[in-house]
């Protein structure tokens, strides 16, 4: 009798219980309030799970949830929703029912998750390096430095990119592997991408270190006495024109400065040869930008210009001049014309000029290289050297936090190459070689007749 009354009440309310009656009765809420029949109340409670709210929460958290996080989120939502929660969460999130079930099992078991792992120990496919016993040995054989001279090495004459390594492992050795895994295995084998390193300096003279100490002592003596000590060298010759210059500069997006594709010399502009003079004591530099050959005469004239425009004012009572220079180039220790030009310069300045050459193959240790030239290169990075005037202005604008100041001028003189110097001319040079490596260390004194004149 009571069952018929409840069924009739449900039909009168427009709700047909029918086949879901048993499912509704399992909800566990057996109340009648506000005149609502108990059967209708049970059905109302079953239908109030807000799937849209679950979906919104899941969409907000999904980007930061891993596999375990999604599983536990779904289990927590299903538990919170009560009866029918698993179905509701499955519809709202698209997570499989079996996955939600595993999450519920984890929550009931009260497992403490391992924060360093997502899957349980032993889960997932076994690593290829474990299932393929020869993989690591074959990969190591491809990249070992010792195989460079082996004509049988598959990658001897090609680059060792990840793609080519994976192709070689598949084609030549039968390993099915992708380039991403090749990269991971190379890191495991302690390989890294590395560029060439300039460490070989050519012939190594047994007195190389002793020469460095000798130069250092002479420079200390000059600075202590208040005498000028300079470091000289020719910077790398630069193409003049709208050519690509290494480096990057801030410009509007998508509008890089356009330059020539090929680096062919423009005949009417030629090349620029910057010869630098660095005052070690005062942290100031002078650069003569030549437009002709880089000869000993050009080098000596750059030192002459420095003395006339900067050095004489800073050292009005100078009694000597110390020059540290490379062992090669226009101011090399074996260049005869260099000593002839030094004699002319000593006669003009009226002071002895001492030259200490760096040992062969050590030009990068010249003071001017890392005190002046490196900052000039950084100052004109990404800027095409379109004219000699632009080069002069960029060099002169070079400064550093330590107070470096540079003065620069264009030397438009011509310096013919291939000038022959006879033995008689060399013998006429008033040159005194030092006891320690006289071929590297010597002093050119003013000629007595020149001083009288």
Foldseek 3Di string as FASTA:
>chain_A
DVVVVVQVLCVVVVHHCPPCQVVLVVQPDQDDPPNRHRSVVSVVLVPPLDLQVLLVVCVVCVVPADLLRVLLSLLVQLVVSGPPSLVSSCVSHVDDSVSVVVNVVCVVVVDDDDPVDDDDPPDDDDDPCVVPVCVLVVLCQQPPPVCLPPPPRPCNPHDDQLQVSQVCCCPVPNDNDHSVVSVVSCVVVVDDDDDDDPDDLPDDDPCQVVLVVVVVVVVVVCVVVVAWEKEKDKDDKAAAAQAWFADDDDDPPPDADDGDPDPDHDVVAGIWIWIKIAGVVPQEIEIEIERADQALLVNLVSVVVCCVPPVCVSCVPHQEYEYEYECDDRCHLPDLVNLLSQQVVQLVVVHKYKYAHRPRRPRCPGPCNVSQVVQLSVQCHRPRNNHPVSSQVSSQPGADPVGYGYHYDYDHDYDDPDDDDDPVSSVPFQKAADPPPRSRIIMTHHDPVSVVD
